C-alpha cells in the first residue's frame, strides 16, 4: 500500500510546552488547491512563543493547534482547476491566505488583511505535518538548484526582503541592524542582495555576532542591555559605519533597541521596526521627528516568494549556513527540536526533515 495508506500525522500543540504527533484530518481538496507532502519545515520564533506561552501578542491558542509555517514539499495531488503546478513539483509555500475581497487586499497590501488565515497562527492549523492542503497560487515552484530546505527558508527570508523593500534599500544605503537572531541575519542577507554597501550589526550575544561576521557583516558591535549605554554605543556604531546610518532595522523590538536605532540613524533617515519584542514602548520620538526620521512598520511580507527564489537560484543569497540543527519527524525529534530552539544559544534555524 505504501505511503498513501498511512494516516496523515502532525505536530499538535496541546498545552504549554506540550507537543504531540497525532492524526490530522485535512480539509478537502478544492478546485484551486494542491495537496503537498511536507519535506522541510523550520521552527520560527513565533512557534516558540506559542510553545512556551500558548500565545503571541493577541493571537491566543484556545484549542489544540498544528504547529509550523516555514515549509516546502512536493505536490502530491492537484485540484481540478490547477494549471500552474503538476504532481511531483517541488514547492515553497507562502503560509498566509488572505480573503482577496476586502479593500486592503484589493489595494495589494494583502498581508494586512483582517481575515488572514496563517499556518500555525491560532486558530489556523499549521504545516508541521506529513501532508497539507494549500491554494496553488501560494505554492511556488523551486528551481532544480534550490533545495527543499532552502525553499522553507524563503519564509523567514521574506521578512527581511519585505523590510528592505519597505525601507528602500539600494546600493547607496548604509545599514544598521539591531539584533543578530534569525530575522536580523536574513535582513542582513537581504540588504546585501539589494546592494547595501555597508552593514553594521549589533547584538548582546558574542556567538551570534561572530556568526553574523562569518555571514558577511562588515562590522559587528557587542552592546549591553542597559539603556544608559545607548549614547556611547551610538558613537561606536557611527565610527564603525564611517558615515551616517541611512536605514536602521530593529529586529528585536525593545525600548533600548529602538532608542538606539532612532539615535544612530542620520537626519532624514529611516528606522524600520521588524522585531516585535514589546507590545508597548517608551521612546524619544520627538528628537527623532525633529530630524525627520521616518519610522516604518513591518508585518510579515507580501509578494516576496518569487524574489526570494530568484535570489537563491542566482546565488545572491545563501541561507544554508543559517540552518544549524536538523531533526526527524518523530515524537523525540520534535521534543528535542523545540527544546533546542527555545534555548536560543547556538541554534539559529532548527529544521525538520520529513
C-alpha atoms as a PDB file:
ATOM      1  CA  UNK A   1       0.000   0.000   0.000  1.00  0.00           C
ATOM      2  CA  UNK A   2       2.975   2.346   0.556  1.00  0.00           C
ATOM      3  CA  UNK A   3       2.815   5.895   1.847  1.00  0.00           C
ATOM      4  CA  UNK A   4      -0.749   6.598   0.714  1.00  0.00           C
ATOM      5  CA  UNK A   5      -2.218   4.170   3.236  1.00  0.00           C
ATOM      6  CA  UNK A   6      -0.546   5.866   6.180  1.00  0.00           C
ATOM      7  CA  UNK A   7      -2.598   8.294   8.212  1.00  0.00           C
ATOM      8  CA  UNK A   8      -1.636  11.962   7.964  1.00  0.00           C
ATOM      9  CA  UNK A   9       0.202  12.895  11.166  1.00  0.00           C
ATOM     10  CA  UNK A  10       1.003  16.355  12.504  1.00  0.00           C
ATOM     11  CA  UNK A  11       2.624  18.063  15.487  1.00  0.00           C
ATOM     12  CA  UNK A  12      -0.144  19.367  17.742  1.00  0.00           C
ATOM     13  CA  UNK A  13       0.330  21.978  20.458  1.00  0.00           C
ATOM     14  CA  UNK A  14      -1.855  20.702  23.321  1.00  0.00           C
ATOM     15  CA  UNK A  15      -0.722  22.970  26.169  1.00  0.00           C
ATOM     16  CA  UNK A  16       2.272  24.920  27.481  1.00  0.00           C
ATOM     17  CA  UNK A  17       5.413  23.096  26.293  1.00  0.00           C
ATOM     18  CA  UNK A  18       3.264  20.098  25.328  1.00  0.00           C
ATOM     19  CA  UNK A  19       3.605  18.823  21.756  1.00  0.00           C
ATOM     20  CA  UNK A  20       2.333  15.531  20.408  1.00  0.00           C
ATOM     21  CA  UNK A  21       2.377  13.856  16.996  1.00  0.00           C
ATOM     22  CA  UNK A  22      -1.261  12.931  16.354  1.00  0.00           C
ATOM     23  CA  UNK A  23      -3.506  12.298  13.346  1.00  0.00           C
ATOM     24  CA  UNK A  24      -4.539  15.379  11.350  1.00  0.00           C
ATOM     25  CA  UNK A  25      -7.583  15.122   9.110  1.00  0.00           C
ATOM     26  CA  UNK A  26      -7.023  17.509   6.200  1.00  0.00           C
ATOM     27  CA  UNK A  27      -9.653  19.780   4.685  1.00  0.00           C
ATOM     28  CA  UNK A  28     -10.928  18.547   1.324  1.00  0.00           C
ATOM     29  CA  UNK A  29      -9.007  19.497  -1.814  1.00  0.00           C
ATOM     30  CA  UNK A  30     -10.728  22.445  -3.512  1.00  0.00           C
ATOM     31  CA  UNK A  31     -10.520  23.001  -7.285  1.00  0.00           C
ATOM     32  CA  UNK A  32      -7.756  25.615  -6.860  1.00  0.00           C
ATOM     33  CA  UNK A  33      -5.835  23.749  -4.130  1.00  0.00           C
ATOM     34  CA  UNK A  34      -2.931  21.339  -4.086  1.00  0.00           C
ATOM     35  CA  UNK A  35      -2.022  18.642  -1.603  1.00  0.00           C
ATOM     36  CA  UNK A  36       1.652  18.898  -0.642  1.00  0.00           C
ATOM     37  CA  UNK A  37       3.804  16.308   1.122  1.00  0.00           C
ATOM     38  CA  UNK A  38       5.949  18.295   3.548  1.00  0.00           C
ATOM     39  CA  UNK A  39       9.710  17.688   3.293  1.00  0.00           C
ATOM     40  CA  UNK A  40      11.317  20.600   5.173  1.00  0.00           C
ATOM     41  CA  UNK A  41       9.740  22.626   7.980  1.00  0.00           C
ATOM     42  CA  UNK A  42      11.613  25.229  10.059  1.00  0.00           C
ATOM     43  CA  UNK A  43      10.908  26.433  13.596  1.00  0.00           C
ATOM     44  CA  UNK A  44      10.264  30.181  13.962  1.00  0.00           C
ATOM     45  CA  UNK A  45      10.393  32.455  16.997  1.00  0.00           C
ATOM     46  CA  UNK A  46       6.598  32.714  16.911  1.00  0.00           C
ATOM     47  CA  UNK A  47       6.340  28.889  17.140  1.00  0.00           C
ATOM     48  CA  UNK A  48       8.485  29.067  20.276  1.00  0.00           C
ATOM     49  CA  UNK A  49       6.245  31.801  21.752  1.00  0.00           C
ATOM     50  CA  UNK A  50       3.194  29.606  21.172  1.00  0.00           C
ATOM     51  CA  UNK A  51       5.048  26.601  22.623  1.00  0.00           C
ATOM     52  CA  UNK A  52       6.081  28.456  25.799  1.00  0.00           C
ATOM     53  CA  UNK A  53       3.114  30.794  26.357  1.00  0.00           C
ATOM     54  CA  UNK A  54       0.205  29.485  24.231  1.00  0.00           C
ATOM     55  CA  UNK A  55       0.007  32.974  22.699  1.00  0.00           C
ATOM     56  CA  UNK A  56       1.799  35.622  20.628  1.00  0.00           C
ATOM     57  CA  UNK A  57       0.508  39.132  21.399  1.00  0.00           C
ATOM     58  CA  UNK A  58      -3.265  38.973  20.738  1.00  0.00           C
ATOM     59  CA  UNK A  59      -3.118  35.597  18.979  1.00  0.00           C
ATOM     60  CA  UNK A  60      -4.128  33.135  21.721  1.00  0.00           C
ATOM     61  CA  UNK A  61      -4.133  29.337  21.386  1.00  0.00           C
ATOM     62  CA  UNK A  62      -7.549  28.280  22.740  1.00  0.00           C
ATOM     63  CA  UNK A  63      -7.725  24.727  21.343  1.00  0.00           C
ATOM     64  CA  UNK A  64      -5.178  22.166  20.077  1.00  0.00           C
ATOM     65  CA  UNK A  65      -3.380  23.502  17.003  1.00  0.00           C
ATOM     66  CA  UNK A  66      -0.997  22.098  14.410  1.00  0.00           C
ATOM     67  CA  UNK A  67       2.329  23.964  14.579  1.00  0.00           C
ATOM     68  CA  UNK A  68       4.624  25.305  11.860  1.00  0.00           C
ATOM     69  CA  UNK A  69       4.615  27.649   8.858  1.00  0.00           C
ATOM     70  CA  UNK A  70       8.128  27.750   7.320  1.00  0.00           C
ATOM     71  CA  UNK A  71       7.804  24.943   4.834  1.00  0.00           C
ATOM     72  CA  UNK A  72       8.432  23.312   1.473  1.00  0.00           C
ATOM     73  CA  UNK A  73       7.452  19.987  -0.024  1.00  0.00           C
ATOM     74  CA  UNK A  74       6.368  18.002  -3.063  1.00  0.00           C
ATOM     75  CA  UNK A  75       2.987  18.294  -4.784  1.00  0.00           C
ATOM     76  CA  UNK A  76       1.079  15.038  -4.395  1.00  0.00           C
ATOM     77  CA  UNK A  77      -2.334  15.934  -5.787  1.00  0.00           C
ATOM     78  CA  UNK A  78      -3.801  18.918  -7.665  1.00  0.00           C
ATOM     79  CA  UNK A  79      -7.291  20.390  -7.731  1.00  0.00           C
ATOM     80  CA  UNK A  80      -9.390  20.185 -10.890  1.00  0.00           C
ATOM     81  CA  UNK A  81      -8.727  23.810 -11.922  1.00  0.00           C
ATOM     82  CA  UNK A  82      -4.991  23.972 -11.129  1.00  0.00           C
ATOM     83  CA  UNK A  83      -2.870  24.721 -14.205  1.00  0.00           C
ATOM     84  CA  UNK A  84       0.300  26.205 -12.658  1.00  0.00           C
ATOM     85  CA  UNK A  85       1.568  23.066 -10.894  1.00  0.00           C
ATOM     86  CA  UNK A  86       1.917  19.341 -11.540  1.00  0.00           C
ATOM     87  CA  UNK A  87       2.211  16.303  -9.307  1.00  0.00           C
ATOM     88  CA  UNK A  88       5.875  15.887  -8.320  1.00  0.00           C
ATOM     89  CA  UNK A  89       6.719  19.618  -8.384  1.00  0.00           C
ATOM     90  CA  UNK A  90       8.901  20.820  -5.518  1.00  0.00           C
ATOM     91  CA  UNK A  91       7.312  23.912  -3.971  1.00  0.00           C
ATOM     92  CA  UNK A  92       7.820  26.522  -1.249  1.00  0.00           C
ATOM     93  CA  UNK A  93       4.605  27.558   0.494  1.00  0.00           C
ATOM     94  CA  UNK A  94       3.597  31.090   1.428  1.00  0.00           C
ATOM     95  CA  UNK A  95       1.691  30.369   4.657  1.00  0.00           C
ATOM     96  CA  UNK A  96      -0.923  33.144   4.751  1.00  0.00           C
ATOM     97  CA  UNK A  97      -4.268  33.022   2.936  1.00  0.00           C
ATOM     98  CA  UNK A  98      -5.883  36.462   2.650  1.00  0.00           C
ATOM     99  CA  UNK A  99      -9.553  36.993   1.763  1.00  0.00           C
ATOM    100  CA  UNK A 100      -8.794  38.723  -1.565  1.00  0.00           C
ATOM    101  CA  UNK A 101     -12.044  40.706  -1.293  1.00  0.00           C
ATOM    102  CA  UNK A 102     -11.528  43.460   1.299  1.00  0.00           C
ATOM    103  CA  UNK A 103     -10.291  46.958   0.429  1.00  0.00           C
ATOM    104  CA  UNK A 104      -6.822  46.200   1.860  1.00  0.00           C
ATOM    105  CA  UNK A 105      -6.454  43.076  -0.304  1.00  0.00           C
ATOM    106  CA  UNK A 106      -7.728  44.950  -3.357  1.00  0.00           C
ATOM    107  CA  UNK A 107      -5.158  47.651  -2.627  1.00  0.00           C
ATOM    108  CA  UNK A 108      -2.459  44.962  -2.863  1.00  0.00           C
ATOM    109  CA  UNK A 109      -1.418  45.041   0.806  1.00  0.00           C
ATOM    110  CA  UNK A 110      -2.855  41.602   1.428  1.00  0.00           C
ATOM    111  CA  UNK A 111      -0.505  40.841   4.349  1.00  0.00           C
ATOM    112  CA  UNK A 112      -2.610  43.297   6.396  1.00  0.00           C
ATOM    113  CA  UNK A 113      -5.924  41.541   5.612  1.00  0.00           C
ATOM    114  CA  UNK A 114      -8.029  41.291   8.797  1.00  0.00           C
ATOM    115  CA  UNK A 115      -9.359  37.889   7.668  1.00  0.00           C
ATOM    116  CA  UNK A 116      -5.873  36.407   7.113  1.00  0.00           C
ATOM    117  CA  UNK A 117      -5.634  32.664   7.758  1.00  0.00           C
ATOM    118  CA  UNK A 118      -1.988  31.930   8.540  1.00  0.00           C
ATOM    119  CA  UNK A 119      -0.471  28.483   9.096  1.00  0.00           C
ATOM    120  CA  UNK A 120       0.134  27.847  12.796  1.00  0.00           C
ATOM    121  CA  UNK A 121      -1.300  31.173  13.980  1.00  0.00           C
ATOM    122  CA  UNK A 122      -4.391  30.482  16.083  1.00  0.00           C
ATOM    123  CA  UNK A 123      -6.945  29.301  15.215  1.00  0.00           C
ATOM    124  CA  UNK A 124      -5.458  28.149  11.861  1.00  0.00           C
ATOM    125  CA  UNK A 125      -3.624  24.821  11.795  1.00  0.00           C
ATOM    126  CA  UNK A 126      -0.039  24.873  10.540  1.00  0.00           C
ATOM    127  CA  UNK A 127       2.161  22.787   8.276  1.00  0.00           C
ATOM    128  CA  UNK A 128       4.329  20.611  10.546  1.00  0.00           C
ATOM    129  CA  UNK A 129       2.580  17.546   9.159  1.00  0.00           C
ATOM    130  CA  UNK A 130       3.052  14.835   6.548  1.00  0.00           C
ATOM    131  CA  UNK A 131       0.545  16.465   4.201  1.00  0.00           C
ATOM    132  CA  UNK A 132      -1.160  19.850   3.907  1.00  0.00           C
ATOM    133  CA  UNK A 133      -3.759  21.322   1.553  1.00  0.00           C
ATOM    134  CA  UNK A 134      -2.994  24.839   0.322  1.00  0.00           C
ATOM    135  CA  UNK A 135      -4.043  27.189  -2.521  1.00  0.00           C
ATOM    136  CA  UNK A 136      -1.945  26.522  -5.635  1.00  0.00           C
ATOM    137  CA  UNK A 137      -1.282  30.263  -6.099  1.00  0.00           C
ATOM    138  CA  UNK A 138       0.581  30.287  -2.758  1.00  0.00           C
ATOM    139  CA  UNK A 139       2.825  27.355  -3.748  1.00  0.00           C
ATOM    140  CA  UNK A 140       5.925  28.454  -5.651  1.00  0.00           C
ATOM    141  CA  UNK A 141       7.851  26.004  -7.805  1.00  0.00           C
ATOM    142  CA  UNK A 142      11.510  25.632  -6.836  1.00  0.00           C
ATOM    143  CA  UNK A 143      14.258  25.555  -9.494  1.00  0.00           C
ATOM    144  CA  UNK A 144      16.455  22.438  -9.582  1.00  0.00           C
ATOM    145  CA  UNK A 145      19.370  24.195  -7.869  1.00  0.00           C
ATOM    146  CA  UNK A 146      17.282  25.309  -4.856  1.00  0.00           C
ATOM    147  CA  UNK A 147      16.789  22.631  -2.181  1.00  0.00           C
ATOM    148  CA  UNK A 148      13.604  21.993  -0.208  1.00  0.00           C
ATOM    149  CA  UNK A 149      15.311  23.280   2.949  1.00  0.00           C
ATOM    150  CA  UNK A 150      16.164  26.491   1.120  1.00  0.00           C
ATOM    151  CA  UNK A 151      12.536  26.594  -0.040  1.00  0.00           C
ATOM    152  CA  UNK A 152      11.391  26.502   3.593  1.00  0.00           C
ATOM    153  CA  UNK A 153      13.855  29.314   4.361  1.00  0.00           C
ATOM    154  CA  UNK A 154      12.006  31.565   1.883  1.00  0.00           C
ATOM    155  CA  UNK A 155       9.545  32.295   4.701  1.00  0.00           C
ATOM    156  CA  UNK A 156      11.952  33.932   7.177  1.00  0.00           C
ATOM    157  CA  UNK A 157      13.933  35.404   4.267  1.00  0.00           C
ATOM    158  CA  UNK A 158      10.704  37.035   3.058  1.00  0.00           C
ATOM    159  CA  UNK A 159      10.540  39.090   6.261  1.00  0.00           C
ATOM    160  CA  UNK A 160      13.985  40.552   5.508  1.00  0.00           C
ATOM    161  CA  UNK A 161      13.181  41.100   1.834  1.00  0.00           C
ATOM    162  CA  UNK A 162       9.885  42.840   2.643  1.00  0.00           C
ATOM    163  CA  UNK A 163      11.643  45.044   5.223  1.00  0.00           C
ATOM    164  CA  UNK A 164      14.295  46.037   2.658  1.00  0.00           C
ATOM    165  CA  UNK A 165      11.631  46.853   0.063  1.00  0.00           C
ATOM    166  CA  UNK A 166       9.659  48.965   2.569  1.00  0.00           C
ATOM    167  CA  UNK A 167      12.841  50.785   3.612  1.00  0.00           C
ATOM    168  CA  UNK A 168      14.035  51.329   0.029  1.00  0.00           C
ATOM    169  CA  UNK A 169      17.451  49.660   0.419  1.00  0.00           C
ATOM    170  CA  UNK A 170      19.714  50.335  -2.572  1.00  0.00           C
ATOM    171  CA  UNK A 171      23.464  50.448  -3.407  1.00  0.00           C
ATOM    172  CA  UNK A 172      23.942  53.731  -1.559  1.00  0.00           C
ATOM    173  CA  UNK A 173      22.143  52.775   1.673  1.00  0.00           C
ATOM    174  CA  UNK A 174      24.332  52.317   4.748  1.00  0.00           C
ATOM    175  CA  UNK A 175      22.551  49.946   7.088  1.00  0.00           C
ATOM    176  CA  UNK A 176      22.452  49.249  10.826  1.00  0.00           C
ATOM    177  CA  UNK A 177      20.837  46.014  12.000  1.00  0.00           C
ATOM    178  CA  UNK A 178      19.971  45.696  15.690  1.00  0.00           C
ATOM    179  CA  UNK A 179      19.701  42.026  16.650  1.00  0.00           C
ATOM    180  CA  UNK A 180      21.606  39.098  15.150  1.00  0.00           C
ATOM    181  CA  UNK A 181      18.933  36.446  15.601  1.00  0.00           C
ATOM    182  CA  UNK A 182      17.435  34.633  12.589  1.00  0.00           C
ATOM    183  CA  UNK A 183      15.449  37.687  11.420  1.00  0.00           C
ATOM    184  CA  UNK A 184      18.368  40.089  11.881  1.00  0.00           C
ATOM    185  CA  UNK A 185      20.536  37.712   9.855  1.00  0.00           C
ATOM    186  CA  UNK A 186      18.064  37.292   6.973  1.00  0.00           C
ATOM    187  CA  UNK A 187      17.550  41.068   6.928  1.00  0.00           C
ATOM    188  CA  UNK A 188      21.319  41.429   6.597  1.00  0.00           C
ATOM    189  CA  UNK A 189      21.433  38.930   3.721  1.00  0.00           C
ATOM    190  CA  UNK A 190      18.524  40.682   2.004  1.00  0.00           C
ATOM    191  CA  UNK A 191      20.079  44.153   2.463  1.00  0.00           C
ATOM    192  CA  UNK A 192      23.277  42.875   0.873  1.00  0.00           C
ATOM    193  CA  UNK A 193      21.324  41.394  -2.056  1.00  0.00           C
ATOM    194  CA  UNK A 194      19.604  44.785  -2.542  1.00  0.00           C
ATOM    195  CA  UNK A 195      23.063  46.333  -2.825  1.00  0.00           C
ATOM    196  CA  UNK A 196      23.708  47.863   0.620  1.00  0.00           C
ATOM    197  CA  UNK A 197      27.441  48.709   0.593  1.00  0.00           C
ATOM    198  CA  UNK A 198      27.996  48.744   4.350  1.00  0.00           C
ATOM    199  CA  UNK A 199      26.180  46.801   7.055  1.00  0.00           C
ATOM    200  CA  UNK A 200      26.862  47.063  10.793  1.00  0.00           C
ATOM    201  CA  UNK A 201      25.100  44.590  13.084  1.00  0.00           C
ATOM    202  CA  UNK A 202      24.826  44.835  16.870  1.00  0.00           C
ATOM    203  CA  UNK A 203      23.734  42.304  19.484  1.00  0.00           C
ATOM    204  CA  UNK A 204      24.287  41.417  23.144  1.00  0.00           C
ATOM    205  CA  UNK A 205      25.442  37.891  22.254  1.00  0.00           C
ATOM    206  CA  UNK A 206      29.042  37.315  21.165  1.00  0.00           C
ATOM    207  CA  UNK A 207      28.327  33.998  19.433  1.00  0.00           C
ATOM    208  CA  UNK A 208      25.557  35.472  17.284  1.00  0.00           C
ATOM    209  CA  UNK A 209      27.783  38.384  16.344  1.00  0.00           C
ATOM    210  CA  UNK A 210      30.613  36.119  15.177  1.00  0.00           C
ATOM    211  CA  UNK A 211      28.012  34.162  13.199  1.00  0.00           C
ATOM    212  CA  UNK A 212      26.892  37.451  11.580  1.00  0.00           C
ATOM    213  CA  UNK A 213      30.502  38.361  10.781  1.00  0.00           C
ATOM    214  CA  UNK A 214      31.030  34.994   9.048  1.00  0.00           C
ATOM    215  CA  UNK A 215      27.808  35.578   7.132  1.00  0.00           C
ATOM    216  CA  UNK A 216      29.136  38.863   5.724  1.00  0.00           C
ATOM    217  CA  UNK A 217      28.529  41.725   8.159  1.00  0.00           C
ATOM    218  CA  UNK A 218      31.087  44.498   7.612  1.00  0.00           C
ATOM    219  CA  UNK A 219      31.286  45.374  11.304  1.00  0.00           C
ATOM    220  CA  UNK A 220      29.929  43.792  14.484  1.00  0.00           C
ATOM    221  CA  UNK A 221      29.465  45.549  17.831  1.00  0.00           C
ATOM    222  CA  UNK A 222      28.562  43.927  21.131  1.00  0.00           C
ATOM    223  CA  UNK A 223      26.150  46.086  23.131  1.00  0.00           C
ATOM    224  CA  UNK A 224      24.628  45.876  26.600  1.00  0.00           C
ATOM    225  CA  UNK A 225      21.024  45.554  27.758  1.00  0.00           C
ATOM    226  CA  UNK A 226      21.367  48.835  29.685  1.00  0.00           C
ATOM    227  CA  UNK A 227      19.576  51.798  28.090  1.00  0.00           C
ATOM    228  CA  UNK A 228      22.071  54.136  29.817  1.00  0.00           C
ATOM    229  CA  UNK A 229      24.751  52.886  27.401  1.00  0.00           C
ATOM    230  CA  UNK A 230      22.910  53.983  24.243  1.00  0.00           C
ATOM    231  CA  UNK A 231      24.839  57.228  23.755  1.00  0.00           C
ATOM    232  CA  UNK A 232      28.308  55.665  23.783  1.00  0.00           C
ATOM    233  CA  UNK A 233      27.139  52.665  21.757  1.00  0.00           C
ATOM    234  CA  UNK A 234      25.749  55.003  19.082  1.00  0.00           C
ATOM    235  CA  UNK A 235      29.194  56.642  18.834  1.00  0.00           C
ATOM    236  CA  UNK A 236      30.725  53.175  18.266  1.00  0.00           C
ATOM    237  CA  UNK A 237      28.126  52.452  15.565  1.00  0.00           C
ATOM    238  CA  UNK A 238      28.743  55.751  13.789  1.00  0.00           C
ATOM    239  CA  UNK A 239      32.515  55.215  13.914  1.00  0.00           C
ATOM    240  CA  UNK A 240      32.094  51.705  12.541  1.00  0.00           C
ATOM    241  CA  UNK A 241      29.894  52.781   9.645  1.00  0.00           C
ATOM    242  CA  UNK A 242      32.220  55.715   8.865  1.00  0.00           C
ATOM    243  CA  UNK A 243      29.320  57.939   7.794  1.00  0.00           C
ATOM    244  CA  UNK A 244      25.660  58.351   8.649  1.00  0.00           C
ATOM    245  CA  UNK A 245      23.375  55.337   9.059  1.00  0.00           C
ATOM    246  CA  UNK A 246      20.731  55.726   6.341  1.00  0.00           C
ATOM    247  CA  UNK A 247      18.436  52.910   7.497  1.00  0.00           C
ATOM    248  CA  UNK A 248      18.299  51.072  10.807  1.00  0.00           C
ATOM    249  CA  UNK A 249      16.407  47.795  11.193  1.00  0.00           C
ATOM    250  CA  UNK A 250      15.350  46.991  14.747  1.00  0.00           C
ATOM    251  CA  UNK A 251      14.974  43.207  14.632  1.00  0.00           C
ATOM    252  CA  UNK A 252      14.395  42.965  18.396  1.00  0.00           C
ATOM    253  CA  UNK A 253      11.755  45.491  19.397  1.00  0.00           C
ATOM    254  CA  UNK A 254      12.620  46.697  22.924  1.00  0.00           C
ATOM    255  CA  UNK A 255      12.827  50.243  24.358  1.00  0.00           C
ATOM    256  CA  UNK A 256      16.610  50.016  24.298  1.00  0.00           C
ATOM    257  CA  UNK A 257      16.974  48.681  20.743  1.00  0.00           C
ATOM    258  CA  UNK A 258      14.529  51.139  19.228  1.00  0.00           C
ATOM    259  CA  UNK A 259      16.042  54.072  21.166  1.00  0.00           C
ATOM    260  CA  UNK A 260      19.440  53.037  19.786  1.00  0.00           C
ATOM    261  CA  UNK A 261      18.101  52.737  16.223  1.00  0.00           C
ATOM    262  CA  UNK A 262      16.490  56.182  16.386  1.00  0.00           C
ATOM    263  CA  UNK A 263      19.628  57.791  17.842  1.00  0.00           C
ATOM    264  CA  UNK A 264      22.057  56.096  15.421  1.00  0.00           C
ATOM    265  CA  UNK A 265      20.137  56.971  12.247  1.00  0.00           C
ATOM    266  CA  UNK A 266      21.161  60.139  10.416  1.00  0.00           C
ATOM    267  CA  UNK A 267      18.800  63.066   9.874  1.00  0.00           C
ATOM    268  CA  UNK A 268      16.344  62.247   7.091  1.00  0.00           C
ATOM    269  CA  UNK A 269      16.929  58.513   7.516  1.00  0.00           C
ATOM    270  CA  UNK A 270      14.578  55.635   8.252  1.00  0.00           C
ATOM    271  CA  UNK A 271      14.070  53.245  11.148  1.00  0.00           C
ATOM    272  CA  UNK A 272      12.323  50.016  10.319  1.00  0.00           C
ATOM    273  CA  UNK A 273      10.724  48.154  13.246  1.00  0.00           C
ATOM    274  CA  UNK A 274      10.831  44.470  12.327  1.00  0.00           C
ATOM    275  CA  UNK A 275      11.064  42.710  15.705  1.00  0.00           C
ATOM    276  CA  UNK A 276       8.046  42.944  17.982  1.00  0.00           C
ATOM    277  CA  UNK A 277       9.612  42.251  21.388  1.00  0.00           C
ATOM    278  CA  UNK A 278       7.418  44.596  23.437  1.00  0.00           C
ATOM    279  CA  UNK A 279       3.797  45.430  22.729  1.00  0.00           C
ATOM    280  CA  UNK A 280       4.360  48.978  24.034  1.00  0.00           C
ATOM    281  CA  UNK A 281       7.493  51.132  24.150  1.00  0.00           C
ATOM    282  CA  UNK A 282       8.652  54.397  25.713  1.00  0.00           C
ATOM    283  CA  UNK A 283      10.703  56.145  23.037  1.00  0.00           C
ATOM    284  CA  UNK A 284      12.319  59.582  22.481  1.00  0.00           C
ATOM    285  CA  UNK A 285      10.262  60.200  19.325  1.00  0.00           C
ATOM    286  CA  UNK A 286      10.313  63.991  19.493  1.00  0.00           C
ATOM    287  CA  UNK A 287      14.044  64.441  18.746  1.00  0.00           C
ATOM    288  CA  UNK A 288      13.755  61.764  16.029  1.00  0.00           C
ATOM    289  CA  UNK A 289      10.803  63.598  14.455  1.00  0.00           C
ATOM    290  CA  UNK A 290      12.743  66.864  14.611  1.00  0.00           C
ATOM    291  CA  UNK A 291      15.421  65.164  12.496  1.00  0.00           C
ATOM    292  CA  UNK A 292      12.722  63.899  10.073  1.00  0.00           C
ATOM    293  CA  UNK A 293      13.340  60.230  10.765  1.00  0.00           C
ATOM    294  CA  UNK A 294      10.670  58.006   9.252  1.00  0.00           C
ATOM    295  CA  UNK A 295       9.574  55.071  11.396  1.00  0.00           C
ATOM    296  CA  UNK A 296       8.389  52.178   9.250  1.00  0.00           C
ATOM    297  CA  UNK A 297       6.338  49.238  10.495  1.00  0.00           C
ATOM    298  CA  UNK A 298       6.591  45.724   9.074  1.00  0.00           C
ATOM    299  CA  UNK A 299       4.073  42.903   9.243  1.00  0.00           C
ATOM    300  CA  UNK A 300       5.248  39.672   7.656  1.00  0.00           C
ATOM    301  CA  UNK A 301       5.592  40.149   3.873  1.00  0.00           C
ATOM    302  CA  UNK A 302       3.776  40.300   0.544  1.00  0.00           C
ATOM    303  CA  UNK A 303       4.687  39.158  -2.975  1.00  0.00           C
ATOM    304  CA  UNK A 304       8.182  38.118  -1.857  1.00  0.00           C
ATOM    305  CA  UNK A 305       8.458  34.421  -2.768  1.00  0.00           C
ATOM    306  CA  UNK A 306       9.399  34.846  -6.454  1.00  0.00           C
ATOM    307  CA  UNK A 307      12.107  37.343  -5.483  1.00  0.00           C
ATOM    308  CA  UNK A 308      13.455  35.124  -2.681  1.00  0.00           C
ATOM    309  CA  UNK A 309      13.606  32.140  -5.035  1.00  0.00           C
ATOM    310  CA  UNK A 310      15.354  34.302  -7.642  1.00  0.00           C
ATOM    311  CA  UNK A 311      17.967  35.439  -5.089  1.00  0.00           C
ATOM    312  CA  UNK A 312      18.591  31.819  -4.031  1.00  0.00           C
ATOM    313  CA  UNK A 313      18.722  30.483  -7.592  1.00  0.00           C
ATOM    314  CA  UNK A 314      21.143  33.214  -8.704  1.00  0.00           C
ATOM    315  CA  UNK A 315      23.392  32.713  -5.676  1.00  0.00           C
ATOM    316  CA  UNK A 316      22.816  36.302  -4.486  1.00  0.00           C
ATOM    317  CA  UNK A 317      21.742  34.956  -1.081  1.00  0.00           C
ATOM    318  CA  UNK A 318      22.944  31.785   0.666  1.00  0.00           C
ATOM    319  CA  UNK A 319      20.629  30.753   3.518  1.00  0.00           C
ATOM    320  CA  UNK A 320      22.189  27.314   4.023  1.00  0.00           C
ATOM    321  CA  UNK A 321      24.600  28.405   6.806  1.00  0.00           C
ATOM    322  CA  UNK A 322      21.619  29.591   8.879  1.00  0.00           C
ATOM    323  CA  UNK A 323      20.357  26.006   9.281  1.00  0.00           C
ATOM    324  CA  UNK A 324      22.300  24.908  12.354  1.00  0.00           C
ATOM    325  CA  UNK A 325      20.237  21.943  13.593  1.00  0.00           C
ATOM    326  CA  UNK A 326      18.212  19.213  11.899  1.00  0.00           C
ATOM    327  CA  UNK A 327      15.691  16.790  13.393  1.00  0.00           C
ATOM    328  CA  UNK A 328      13.474  13.969  12.209  1.00  0.00           C
ATOM    329  CA  UNK A 329       9.680  13.875  12.395  1.00  0.00           C
ATOM    330  CA  UNK A 330       9.379  11.660  15.489  1.00  0.00           C
ATOM    331  CA  UNK A 331       7.982  12.430  18.944  1.00  0.00           C
ATOM    332  CA  UNK A 332      11.519  12.525  20.393  1.00  0.00           C
ATOM    333  CA  UNK A 333      12.792  14.578  17.424  1.00  0.00           C
ATOM    334  CA  UNK A 334      10.001  17.128  17.882  1.00  0.00           C
ATOM    335  CA  UNK A 335      10.613  17.488  21.616  1.00  0.00           C
ATOM    336  CA  UNK A 336      14.380  17.835  21.122  1.00  0.00           C
ATOM    337  CA  UNK A 337      13.972  20.354  18.279  1.00  0.00           C
ATOM    338  CA  UNK A 338      11.645  22.642  20.228  1.00  0.00           C
ATOM    339  CA  UNK A 339      13.840  22.377  23.328  1.00  0.00           C
ATOM    340  CA  UNK A 340      16.998  23.338  21.365  1.00  0.00           C
ATOM    341  CA  UNK A 341      15.199  26.141  19.516  1.00  0.00           C
ATOM    342  CA  UNK A 342      13.677  27.577  22.717  1.00  0.00           C
ATOM    343  CA  UNK A 343      17.077  27.656  24.448  1.00  0.00           C
ATOM    344  CA  UNK A 344      18.431  30.097  21.861  1.00  0.00           C
ATOM    345  CA  UNK A 345      22.170  29.795  22.426  1.00  0.00           C
ATOM    346  CA  UNK A 346      23.996  28.428  19.407  1.00  0.00           C
ATOM    347  CA  UNK A 347      20.862  27.459  17.493  1.00  0.00           C
ATOM    348  CA  UNK A 348      19.947  29.772  14.614  1.00  0.00           C
ATOM    349  CA  UNK A 349      17.491  27.843  12.411  1.00  0.00           C
ATOM    350  CA  UNK A 350      16.185  24.464  13.515  1.00  0.00           C
ATOM    351  CA  UNK A 351      14.804  22.402  10.622  1.00  0.00           C
ATOM    352  CA  UNK A 352      12.706  19.251  10.388  1.00  0.00           C
ATOM    353  CA  UNK A 353      13.406  16.820   7.562  1.00  0.00           C
ATOM    354  CA  UNK A 354      10.248  14.802   6.889  1.00  0.00           C
END
